[in-house]
Amino acid sequence: MPLLTSAACVAQAGWIDEAELELRFDDNLPRGQLKRDIKSDMAVAIAAEGGRGYQLTENGRLTLTMTLSATGYRQYSGLDHVDAGVGLAYRHKFGLGPLAPEARASVSATRLEYRDDGRDGWLYSAQLGIGKRITERLGLTATYEFERRKSDDVADRLLPTVAADVYDLTSRNFTLGGDYTLSSDYVLSAAYTLRDGDIVSTTLRNLPIFLASSAIAEDRVFGRNRYAYKMKATTRGASLGVSRVINDHSSLTLGYEYIDSRAEGGIDYQANIVRAIYLHQF
């Protein structure tokens, strides 16, 4: 779940707007299909986001943000990583008041530094979105995102005719989301995402996945004789969350996410992710 922008005006915006602590459990971290390849783990992540907002017009606002995060895994430490990013977003409200619809556009670039050097690289994102509060309690959003990940280095090819750029990934995502205020203390949120693009699955030697993949590289994060395969797939994801307002600056969210990816050749995997997030806004 992404950090929320808390700045309401230029005078209130600061260089540290909010901080987040997340505890996450993923029951299929390698995105494996067969039982022998499925491995679970827990992770702890901390993140901070800050920036400046500029009121360009009565209804238009430009926001420049910087993010810094660190994630550590209990068992698979090769996936530990530190990320630093910068983002630029523009929001336009079509009218006054909380029920006025709005449109958003944003771009971002994030540096990825992993303990496993083969995963180091850059993540670029561009988003277009619209949002509307139907009532004071109910709000809906729709977002389209283009995402590209580019790795610093590409491993040596295992086969002369098969690429090894498994972490050079491109995807297009469409998300429908909503939130409903149950009371002054509780907010319920839900989202559905349809993703078309590259996925990475790490398994033991697997002929069906090999035939469906466009790139292969050794991946020792999950053990010896494990290989990362890049494939084109359609991924559907659904998430639910409930947030408890602690005070004017803090909240606690419990969330669940289900992921289902399907590629050619009967390749598919599912994953369940449970998370608890503490958010503090300054």
C-alpha atoms as a PDB file:
ATOM      1  CA  MET A   1       0.000   0.000   0.000  1.00  0.00           C
ATOM      2  CA  PRO A   2       1.591   3.285  -1.065  1.00  0.00           C
ATOM      3  CA  LEU A   3       2.258   6.151   1.260  1.00  0.00           C
ATOM      4  CA  LEU A   4      -0.334   8.894   1.264  1.00  0.00           C
ATOM      5  CA  THR A   5       0.463  12.527   0.548  1.00  0.00           C
ATOM      6  CA  SER A   6      -0.441  14.582   3.588  1.00  0.00           C
ATOM      7  CA  ALA A   7       0.554  18.106   2.576  1.00  0.00           C
ATOM      8  CA  ALA A   8      -2.459  20.353   2.191  1.00  0.00           C
ATOM      9  CA  CYS A   9      -0.791  23.616   1.239  1.00  0.00           C
ATOM     10  CA  VAL A  10       2.662  25.034   0.631  1.00  0.00           C
ATOM     11  CA  ALA A  11       2.954  26.453   4.129  1.00  0.00           C
ATOM     12  CA  GLN A  12       2.183  23.083   5.693  1.00  0.00           C
ATOM     13  CA  ALA A  13       4.362  20.920   3.455  1.00  0.00           C
ATOM     14  CA  GLY A  14       7.625  19.774   4.960  1.00  0.00           C
ATOM     15  CA  TRP A  15      10.521  17.609   3.947  1.00  0.00           C
ATOM     16  CA  ILE A  16       9.305  14.766   6.145  1.00  0.00           C
ATOM     17  CA  ASP A  17       5.546  14.558   5.766  1.00  0.00           C
ATOM     18  CA  GLU A  18       4.976  10.990   6.909  1.00  0.00           C
ATOM     19  CA  ALA A  19       6.639   7.775   8.005  1.00  0.00           C
ATOM     20  CA  GLU A  20       5.444   4.194   7.752  1.00  0.00           C
ATOM     21  CA  LEU A  21       6.270   0.888   9.421  1.00  0.00           C
ATOM     22  CA  GLU A  22       5.030  -2.320   7.757  1.00  0.00           C
ATOM     23  CA  LEU A  23       5.052  -5.970   8.792  1.00  0.00           C
ATOM     24  CA  ARG A  24       4.346  -8.244   5.802  1.00  0.00           C
ATOM     25  CA  PHE A  25       3.874 -11.991   5.236  1.00  0.00           C
ATOM     26  CA  ASP A  26       4.038 -13.441   1.698  1.00  0.00           C
ATOM     27  CA  ASP A  27       3.196 -17.130   1.246  1.00  0.00           C
ATOM     28  CA  ASN A  28       4.766 -17.448  -2.241  1.00  0.00           C
ATOM     29  CA  LEU A  29       7.769 -15.171  -2.419  1.00  0.00           C
ATOM     30  CA  PRO A  30       9.469 -16.806  -5.473  1.00  0.00           C
ATOM     31  CA  ARG A  31       6.136 -16.830  -7.333  1.00  0.00           C
ATOM     32  CA  GLY A  32       6.422 -20.577  -7.855  1.00  0.00           C
ATOM     33  CA  GLN A  33       3.787 -22.866  -9.366  1.00  0.00           C
ATOM     34  CA  LEU A  34       4.816 -26.225  -7.921  1.00  0.00           C
ATOM     35  CA  LYS A  35       4.794 -27.018  -4.213  1.00  0.00           C
ATOM     36  CA  ARG A  36       8.559 -27.652  -4.232  1.00  0.00           C
ATOM     37  CA  ASP A  37       9.153 -24.067  -5.417  1.00  0.00           C
ATOM     38  CA  ILE A  38       6.768 -22.214  -3.089  1.00  0.00           C
ATOM     39  CA  LYS A  39       8.501 -20.509  -0.170  1.00  0.00           C
ATOM     40  CA  SER A  40       7.058 -18.072   2.360  1.00  0.00           C
ATOM     41  CA  ASP A  41       8.713 -15.360   4.426  1.00  0.00           C
ATOM     42  CA  MET A  42       8.068 -12.344   6.604  1.00  0.00           C
ATOM     43  CA  ALA A  43       9.477  -8.870   6.027  1.00  0.00           C
ATOM     44  CA  VAL A  44       9.714  -5.605   7.920  1.00  0.00           C
ATOM     45  CA  ALA A  45       9.745  -2.357   5.958  1.00  0.00           C
ATOM     46  CA  ILE A  46      10.183   1.257   6.986  1.00  0.00           C
ATOM     47  CA  ALA A  47       9.529   4.196   4.693  1.00  0.00           C
ATOM     48  CA  ALA A  48       9.428   7.973   4.770  1.00  0.00           C
ATOM     49  CA  GLU A  49       8.024  10.439   2.279  1.00  0.00           C
ATOM     50  CA  GLY A  50       8.397  14.194   2.154  1.00  0.00           C
ATOM     51  CA  GLY A  51       8.026  16.986  -0.323  1.00  0.00           C
ATOM     52  CA  ARG A  52       6.639  20.336  -1.328  1.00  0.00           C
ATOM     53  CA  GLY A  53       3.285  21.300  -2.773  1.00  0.00           C
ATOM     54  CA  TYR A  54       2.648  24.262  -5.054  1.00  0.00           C
ATOM     55  CA  GLN A  55      -0.839  25.650  -5.654  1.00  0.00           C
ATOM     56  CA  LEU A  56      -0.577  26.593  -9.344  1.00  0.00           C
ATOM     57  CA  THR A  57      -4.222  27.566  -9.801  1.00  0.00           C
ATOM     58  CA  GLU A  58      -7.360  27.569  -7.683  1.00  0.00           C
ATOM     59  CA  ASN A  59      -7.986  23.930  -8.639  1.00  0.00           C
ATOM     60  CA  GLY A  60      -4.543  22.731  -9.716  1.00  0.00           C
ATOM     61  CA  ARG A  61      -1.746  21.557  -7.433  1.00  0.00           C
ATOM     62  CA  LEU A  62       1.771  20.337  -8.211  1.00  0.00           C
ATOM     63  CA  THR A  63       3.621  18.148  -5.691  1.00  0.00           C
ATOM     64  CA  LEU A  64       7.286  17.160  -5.619  1.00  0.00           C
ATOM     65  CA  THR A  65       8.069  14.246  -3.303  1.00  0.00           C
ATOM     66  CA  MET A  66      11.075  12.250  -2.186  1.00  0.00           C
ATOM     67  CA  THR A  67      10.838   8.744  -0.737  1.00  0.00           C
ATOM     68  CA  LEU A  68      13.234   6.532   1.173  1.00  0.00           C
ATOM     69  CA  SER A  69      12.511   2.965   2.271  1.00  0.00           C
ATOM     70  CA  ALA A  70      14.262  -0.139   3.575  1.00  0.00           C
ATOM     71  CA  THR A  71      12.974  -3.727   3.640  1.00  0.00           C
ATOM     72  CA  GLY A  72      14.450  -6.716   5.443  1.00  0.00           C
ATOM     73  CA  TYR A  73      13.386 -10.382   5.198  1.00  0.00           C
ATOM     74  CA  ARG A  74      13.596 -12.913   8.017  1.00  0.00           C
ATOM     75  CA  GLN A  75      14.925 -15.815   5.926  1.00  0.00           C
ATOM     76  CA  TYR A  76      15.726 -14.754   2.359  1.00  0.00           C
ATOM     77  CA  SER A  77      18.139 -11.924   3.113  1.00  0.00           C
ATOM     78  CA  GLY A  78      19.185 -11.617  -0.528  1.00  0.00           C
ATOM     79  CA  LEU A  79      15.905  -9.766  -1.066  1.00  0.00           C
ATOM     80  CA  ASP A  80      16.758  -7.098   1.531  1.00  0.00           C
ATOM     81  CA  HIS A  81      16.777  -3.743  -0.229  1.00  0.00           C
ATOM     82  CA  VAL A  82      16.966   0.027   0.205  1.00  0.00           C
ATOM     83  CA  ASP A  83      15.084   2.284  -2.215  1.00  0.00           C
ATOM     84  CA  ALA A  84      15.262   6.035  -2.839  1.00  0.00           C
ATOM     85  CA  GLY A  85      12.911   7.799  -5.209  1.00  0.00           C
ATOM     86  CA  VAL A  86      11.643  11.113  -6.493  1.00  0.00           C
ATOM     87  CA  GLY A  87       8.184  11.826  -7.868  1.00  0.00           C
ATOM     88  CA  LEU A  88       6.276  14.651  -9.529  1.00  0.00           C
ATOM     89  CA  ALA A  89       2.470  14.728  -9.425  1.00  0.00           C
ATOM     90  CA  TYR A  90      -0.229  17.107 -10.643  1.00  0.00           C
ATOM     91  CA  ARG A  91      -3.800  17.070  -9.349  1.00  0.00           C
ATOM     92  CA  HIS A  92      -6.730  19.036 -10.757  1.00  0.00           C
ATOM     93  CA  LYS A  93     -10.105  19.301  -9.034  1.00  0.00           C
ATOM     94  CA  PHE A  94     -13.157  19.978 -11.190  1.00  0.00           C
ATOM     95  CA  GLY A  95     -15.007  22.215  -8.785  1.00  0.00           C
ATOM     96  CA  LEU A  96     -15.079  23.022  -5.095  1.00  0.00           C
ATOM     97  CA  GLY A  97     -15.911  20.917  -2.086  1.00  0.00           C
ATOM     98  CA  PRO A  98     -15.085  17.341  -1.051  1.00  0.00           C
ATOM     99  CA  LEU A  99     -17.436  15.771  -3.635  1.00  0.00           C
ATOM    100  CA  ALA A 100     -15.807  17.433  -6.658  1.00  0.00           C
ATOM    101  CA  PRO A 101     -14.126  14.936  -9.026  1.00  0.00           C
ATOM    102  CA  GLU A 102     -10.398  15.153  -9.640  1.00  0.00           C
ATOM    103  CA  ALA A 103      -7.792  13.991 -12.149  1.00  0.00           C
ATOM    104  CA  ARG A 104      -4.200  13.083 -11.340  1.00  0.00           C
ATOM    105  CA  ALA A 105      -1.001  12.535 -13.318  1.00  0.00           C
ATOM    106  CA  SER A 106       2.359  11.518 -11.900  1.00  0.00           C
ATOM    107  CA  VAL A 107       5.811  10.260 -12.828  1.00  0.00           C
ATOM    108  CA  SER A 108       8.478   8.765 -10.577  1.00  0.00           C
ATOM    109  CA  ALA A 109      11.928   7.221 -10.623  1.00  0.00           C
ATOM    110  CA  THR A 110      13.206   4.943  -7.855  1.00  0.00           C
ATOM    111  CA  ARG A 111      16.684   3.579  -7.252  1.00  0.00           C
ATOM    112  CA  LEU A 112      16.692  -0.089  -6.115  1.00  0.00           C
ATOM    113  CA  GLU A 113      19.660  -1.409  -4.101  1.00  0.00           C
ATOM    114  CA  TYR A 114      19.440  -5.099  -3.131  1.00  0.00           C
ATOM    115  CA  ARG A 115      21.700  -7.284  -1.030  1.00  0.00           C
ATOM    116  CA  ASP A 116      21.630  -9.559  -4.105  1.00  0.00           C
ATOM    117  CA  ASP A 117      23.437  -7.294  -6.587  1.00  0.00           C
ATOM    118  CA  GLY A 118      21.794  -8.872  -9.620  1.00  0.00           C
ATOM    119  CA  ARG A 119      18.521  -7.196  -8.669  1.00  0.00           C
ATOM    120  CA  ASP A 120      19.954  -3.648  -8.460  1.00  0.00           C
ATOM    121  CA  GLY A 121      18.503  -1.141 -10.880  1.00  0.00           C
ATOM    122  CA  TRP A 122      15.895   1.542 -11.499  1.00  0.00           C
ATOM    123  CA  LEU A 123      12.110   1.507 -11.412  1.00  0.00           C
ATOM    124  CA  TYR A 124      10.208   4.071 -13.506  1.00  0.00           C
ATOM    125  CA  SER A 125       6.480   4.717 -13.292  1.00  0.00           C
ATOM    126  CA  ALA A 126       3.912   6.961 -14.999  1.00  0.00           C
ATOM    127  CA  GLN A 127       0.307   7.152 -13.792  1.00  0.00           C
ATOM    128  CA  LEU A 128      -2.979   8.709 -14.866  1.00  0.00           C
ATOM    129  CA  GLY A 129      -5.950   8.583 -12.526  1.00  0.00           C
ATOM    130  CA  ILE A 130      -9.380   9.948 -11.716  1.00  0.00           C
ATOM    131  CA  GLY A 131     -11.230  10.033  -8.422  1.00  0.00           C
ATOM    132  CA  LYS A 132     -14.639  10.989  -7.120  1.00  0.00           C
ATOM    133  CA  ARG A 133     -16.256  10.974  -3.719  1.00  0.00           C
ATOM    134  CA  ILE A 134     -19.748   9.670  -4.305  1.00  0.00           C
ATOM    135  CA  THR A 135     -20.806  10.654  -0.803  1.00  0.00           C
ATOM    136  CA  GLU A 136     -18.932  11.944   2.203  1.00  0.00           C
ATOM    137  CA  ARG A 137     -18.389   8.297   3.186  1.00  0.00           C
ATOM    138  CA  LEU A 138     -17.717   6.630  -0.181  1.00  0.00           C
ATOM    139  CA  GLY A 139     -14.921   7.424  -2.637  1.00  0.00           C
ATOM    140  CA  LEU A 140     -13.913   5.708  -5.910  1.00  0.00           C
ATOM    141  CA  THR A 141     -10.724   5.856  -7.993  1.00  0.00           C
ATOM    142  CA  ALA A 142      -9.462   4.508 -11.321  1.00  0.00           C
ATOM    143  CA  THR A 143      -5.753   4.467 -12.191  1.00  0.00           C
ATOM    144  CA  TYR A 144      -3.696   3.453 -15.218  1.00  0.00           C
ATOM    145  CA  GLU A 145       0.030   2.882 -14.684  1.00  0.00           C
ATOM    146  CA  PHE A 146       2.927   2.153 -17.013  1.00  0.00           C
ATOM    147  CA  GLU A 147       5.895   0.661 -15.168  1.00  0.00           C
ATOM    148  CA  ARG A 148       9.391  -0.208 -16.332  1.00  0.00           C
ATOM    149  CA  ARG A 149      12.225  -1.765 -14.342  1.00  0.00           C
ATOM    150  CA  LYS A 150      15.785  -1.667 -15.679  1.00  0.00           C
ATOM    151  CA  SER A 151      18.603  -3.651 -14.058  1.00  0.00           C
ATOM    152  CA  ASP A 152      22.175  -2.366 -13.809  1.00  0.00           C
ATOM    153  CA  ASP A 153      23.844  -5.546 -14.994  1.00  0.00           C
ATOM    154  CA  VAL A 154      22.733  -8.620 -16.884  1.00  0.00           C
ATOM    155  CA  ALA A 155      24.057 -12.019 -15.840  1.00  0.00           C
ATOM    156  CA  ASP A 156      25.937 -14.251 -18.253  1.00  0.00           C
ATOM    157  CA  ARG A 157      23.647 -16.287 -20.466  1.00  0.00           C
ATOM    158  CA  LEU A 158      23.049 -19.865 -19.402  1.00  0.00           C
ATOM    159  CA  LEU A 159      22.183 -20.720 -23.013  1.00  0.00           C
ATOM    160  CA  PRO A 160      23.523 -18.816 -26.056  1.00  0.00           C
ATOM    161  CA  THR A 161      20.059 -18.363 -27.561  1.00  0.00           C
ATOM    162  CA  VAL A 162      18.187 -17.319 -24.386  1.00  0.00           C
ATOM    163  CA  ALA A 163      18.461 -13.834 -22.874  1.00  0.00           C
ATOM    164  CA  ALA A 164      19.413 -13.366 -19.208  1.00  0.00           C
ATOM    165  CA  ASP A 165      17.817  -9.953 -18.516  1.00  0.00           C
ATOM    166  CA  VAL A 166      15.249 -11.395 -16.095  1.00  0.00           C
ATOM    167  CA  TYR A 167      14.911  -8.154 -14.103  1.00  0.00           C
ATOM    168  CA  ASP A 168      14.304  -5.876 -17.088  1.00  0.00           C
ATOM    169  CA  LEU A 169      10.524  -5.747 -16.759  1.00  0.00           C
ATOM    170  CA  THR A 170       7.691  -3.807 -18.381  1.00  0.00           C
ATOM    171  CA  SER A 171       4.036  -3.815 -17.351  1.00  0.00           C
ATOM    172  CA  ARG A 172       0.759  -1.952 -17.725  1.00  0.00           C
ATOM    173  CA  ASN A 173      -1.654  -1.878 -14.807  1.00  0.00           C
ATOM    174  CA  PHE A 174      -5.264  -0.770 -14.415  1.00  0.00           C
ATOM    175  CA  THR A 175      -6.673  -0.441 -10.904  1.00  0.00           C
ATOM    176  CA  LEU A 176     -10.170   0.262  -9.598  1.00  0.00           C
ATOM    177  CA  GLY A 177     -10.283   1.216  -5.935  1.00  0.00           C
ATOM    178  CA  GLY A 178     -12.566   2.575  -3.299  1.00  0.00           C
ATOM    179  CA  ASP A 179     -12.799   3.494   0.345  1.00  0.00           C
ATOM    180  CA  TYR A 180     -15.722   3.680   2.718  1.00  0.00           C
ATOM    181  CA  THR A 181     -15.759   5.482   6.052  1.00  0.00           C
ATOM    182  CA  LEU A 182     -17.442   3.167   8.520  1.00  0.00           C
ATOM    183  CA  SER A 183     -17.185   5.636  11.397  1.00  0.00           C
ATOM    184  CA  SER A 184     -14.968   8.448  12.607  1.00  0.00           C
ATOM    185  CA  ASP A 185     -12.374   5.826  13.587  1.00  0.00           C
ATOM    186  CA  TYR A 186     -12.573   3.137  10.867  1.00  0.00           C
ATOM    187  CA  VAL A 187     -12.110   3.213   7.084  1.00  0.00           C
ATOM    188  CA  LEU A 188     -12.590   0.201   4.789  1.00  0.00           C
ATOM    189  CA  SER A 189     -10.683   0.068   1.473  1.00  0.00           C
ATOM    190  CA  ALA A 190     -10.689  -2.298  -1.505  1.00  0.00           C
ATOM    191  CA  ALA A 191      -8.988  -2.492  -4.903  1.00  0.00           C
ATOM    192  CA  TYR A 192      -8.877  -4.692  -8.002  1.00  0.00           C
ATOM    193  CA  THR A 193      -5.873  -4.600 -10.355  1.00  0.00           C
ATOM    194  CA  LEU A 194      -5.442  -6.039 -13.838  1.00  0.00           C
ATOM    195  CA  ARG A 195      -1.785  -6.217 -14.875  1.00  0.00           C
ATOM    196  CA  ASP A 196      -0.406  -7.134 -18.289  1.00  0.00           C
ATOM    197  CA  GLY A 197       3.336  -7.576 -18.639  1.00  0.00           C
ATOM    198  CA  ASP A 198       6.459  -9.322 -17.438  1.00  0.00           C
ATOM    199  CA  ILE A 199       6.626 -11.478 -14.329  1.00  0.00           C
ATOM    200  CA  VAL A 200       9.535 -13.352 -12.727  1.00  0.00           C
ATOM    201  CA  SER A 201       9.186 -16.845 -11.271  1.00  0.00           C
ATOM    202  CA  THR A 202      12.065 -18.613  -9.498  1.00  0.00           C
ATOM    203  CA  THR A 203      11.983 -22.427  -9.603  1.00  0.00           C
ATOM    204  CA  LEU A 204      14.084 -25.544  -9.924  1.00  0.00           C
ATOM    205  CA  ARG A 205      14.665 -26.613 -13.529  1.00  0.00           C
ATOM    206  CA  ASN A 206      11.216 -26.612 -15.116  1.00  0.00           C
ATOM    207  CA  LEU A 207      10.654 -27.423 -18.789  1.00  0.00           C
ATOM    208  CA  PRO A 208       7.148 -25.866 -19.180  1.00  0.00           C
ATOM    209  CA  ILE A 209       8.326 -22.590 -17.623  1.00  0.00           C
ATOM    210  CA  PHE A 210      11.507 -22.713 -19.724  1.00  0.00           C
ATOM    211  CA  LEU A 211       9.448 -22.999 -22.917  1.00  0.00           C
ATOM    212  CA  ALA A 212       7.225 -20.067 -21.879  1.00  0.00           C
ATOM    213  CA  SER A 213      10.045 -17.770 -20.735  1.00  0.00           C
ATOM    214  CA  SER A 214      11.909 -15.042 -22.604  1.00  0.00           C
ATOM    215  CA  ALA A 215      14.892 -14.839 -20.219  1.00  0.00           C
ATOM    216  CA  ILE A 216      16.594 -17.110 -17.655  1.00  0.00           C
ATOM    217  CA  ALA A 217      19.221 -16.447 -14.983  1.00  0.00           C
ATOM    218  CA  GLU A 218      20.524 -18.263 -11.931  1.00  0.00           C
ATOM    219  CA  ASP A 219      18.891 -17.086  -8.689  1.00  0.00           C
ATOM    220  CA  ARG A 220      20.719 -18.259  -5.575  1.00  0.00           C
ATOM    221  CA  VAL A 221      18.598 -16.184  -3.204  1.00  0.00           C
ATOM    222  CA  PHE A 222      16.221 -19.146  -2.877  1.00  0.00           C
ATOM    223  CA  GLY A 223      18.884 -21.872  -2.830  1.00  0.00           C
ATOM    224  CA  ARG A 224      21.148 -23.858  -5.123  1.00  0.00           C
ATOM    225  CA  ASN A 225      19.998 -24.902  -8.595  1.00  0.00           C
ATOM    226  CA  ARG A 226      17.247 -22.269  -8.634  1.00  0.00           C
ATOM    227  CA  TYR A 227      16.560 -20.239 -11.749  1.00  0.00           C
ATOM    228  CA  ALA A 228      14.630 -17.031 -12.376  1.00  0.00           C
ATOM    229  CA  TYR A 229      12.397 -17.124 -15.452  1.00  0.00           C
ATOM    230  CA  LYS A 230      10.880 -14.021 -17.099  1.00  0.00           C
ATOM    231  CA  MET A 231       7.521 -14.469 -18.836  1.00  0.00           C
ATOM    232  CA  LYS A 232       4.633 -12.447 -20.216  1.00  0.00           C
ATOM    233  CA  ALA A 233       1.536 -12.948 -18.095  1.00  0.00           C
ATOM    234  CA  THR A 234      -1.807 -11.520 -17.103  1.00  0.00           C
ATOM    235  CA  THR A 235      -2.042 -10.887 -13.381  1.00  0.00           C
ATOM    236  CA  ARG A 236      -5.171 -10.166 -11.395  1.00  0.00           C
ATOM    237  CA  GLY A 237      -4.989  -8.855  -7.863  1.00  0.00           C
ATOM    238  CA  ALA A 238      -7.569  -8.028  -5.216  1.00  0.00           C
ATOM    239  CA  SER A 239      -6.950  -6.342  -1.893  1.00  0.00           C
ATOM    240  CA  LEU A 240      -8.929  -5.454   1.205  1.00  0.00           C
ATOM    241  CA  GLY A 241      -7.927  -3.267   4.110  1.00  0.00           C
ATOM    242  CA  VAL A 242      -9.349  -1.787   7.267  1.00  0.00           C
ATOM    243  CA  SER A 243      -7.763   1.265   8.875  1.00  0.00           C
ATOM    244  CA  ARG A 244      -8.132   2.390  12.460  1.00  0.00           C
ATOM    245  CA  VAL A 245      -7.547   6.073  13.180  1.00  0.00           C
ATOM    246  CA  ILE A 246      -5.434   6.326  16.317  1.00  0.00           C
ATOM    247  CA  ASN A 247      -5.260  10.122  16.549  1.00  0.00           C
ATOM    248  CA  ASP A 248      -5.006  13.162  14.271  1.00  0.00           C
ATOM    249  CA  HIS A 249      -1.593  12.030  13.003  1.00  0.00           C
ATOM    250  CA  SER A 250      -1.529   8.234  13.154  1.00  0.00           C
ATOM    251  CA  SER A 251      -3.407   5.211  11.836  1.00  0.00           C
ATOM    252  CA  LEU A 252      -3.072   1.420  11.805  1.00  0.00           C
ATOM    253  CA  THR A 253      -4.092  -0.633   8.756  1.00  0.00           C
ATOM    254  CA  LEU A 254      -4.570  -4.386   8.423  1.00  0.00           C
ATOM    255  CA  GLY A 255      -4.640  -5.584   4.827  1.00  0.00           C
ATOM    256  CA  TYR A 256      -4.920  -8.705   2.676  1.00  0.00           C
ATOM    257  CA  GLU A 257      -3.951  -9.095  -0.990  1.00  0.00           C
ATOM    258  CA  TYR A 258      -4.525 -12.007  -3.383  1.00  0.00           C
ATOM    259  CA  ILE A 259      -2.496 -12.332  -6.598  1.00  0.00           C
ATOM    260  CA  ASP A 260      -3.197 -14.675  -9.518  1.00  0.00           C
ATOM    261  CA  SER A 261      -0.828 -14.720 -12.538  1.00  0.00           C
ATOM    262  CA  ARG A 262      -1.321 -16.762 -15.707  1.00  0.00           C
ATOM    263  CA  ALA A 263       1.117 -17.171 -18.606  1.00  0.00           C
ATOM    264  CA  GLU A 264       1.107 -19.236 -21.790  1.00  0.00           C
ATOM    265  CA  GLY A 265       1.628 -22.987 -21.569  1.00  0.00           C
ATOM    266  CA  GLY A 266      -0.536 -23.464 -18.496  1.00  0.00           C
ATOM    267  CA  ILE A 267       1.892 -21.600 -16.229  1.00  0.00           C
ATOM    268  CA  ASP A 268       0.182 -19.969 -13.264  1.00  0.00           C
ATOM    269  CA  TYR A 269       0.832 -19.095  -9.653  1.00  0.00           C
ATOM    270  CA  GLN A 270      -1.062 -17.606  -6.742  1.00  0.00           C
ATOM    271  CA  ALA A 271       0.138 -15.646  -3.726  1.00  0.00           C
ATOM    272  CA  ASN A 272      -1.453 -14.375  -0.530  1.00  0.00           C
ATOM    273  CA  ILE A 273      -0.020 -11.348   1.238  1.00  0.00           C
ATOM    274  CA  VAL A 274      -1.018 -10.142   4.704  1.00  0.00           C
ATOM    275  CA  ARG A 275       0.268  -6.843   6.051  1.00  0.00           C
ATOM    276  CA  ALA A 276      -0.010  -4.541   9.040  1.00  0.00           C
ATOM    277  CA  ILE A 277       0.943  -0.886   8.536  1.00  0.00           C
ATOM    278  CA  TYR A 278       1.459   1.882  11.062  1.00  0.00           C
ATOM    279  CA  LEU A 279       1.380   5.349   9.451  1.00  0.00           C
ATOM    280  CA  HIS A 280       2.338   8.605  11.132  1.00  0.00           C
ATOM    281  CA  GLN A 281       1.834  11.971   9.451  1.00  0.00           C
ATOM    282  CA  PHE A 282       3.785  14.992  10.635  1.00  0.00           C
END
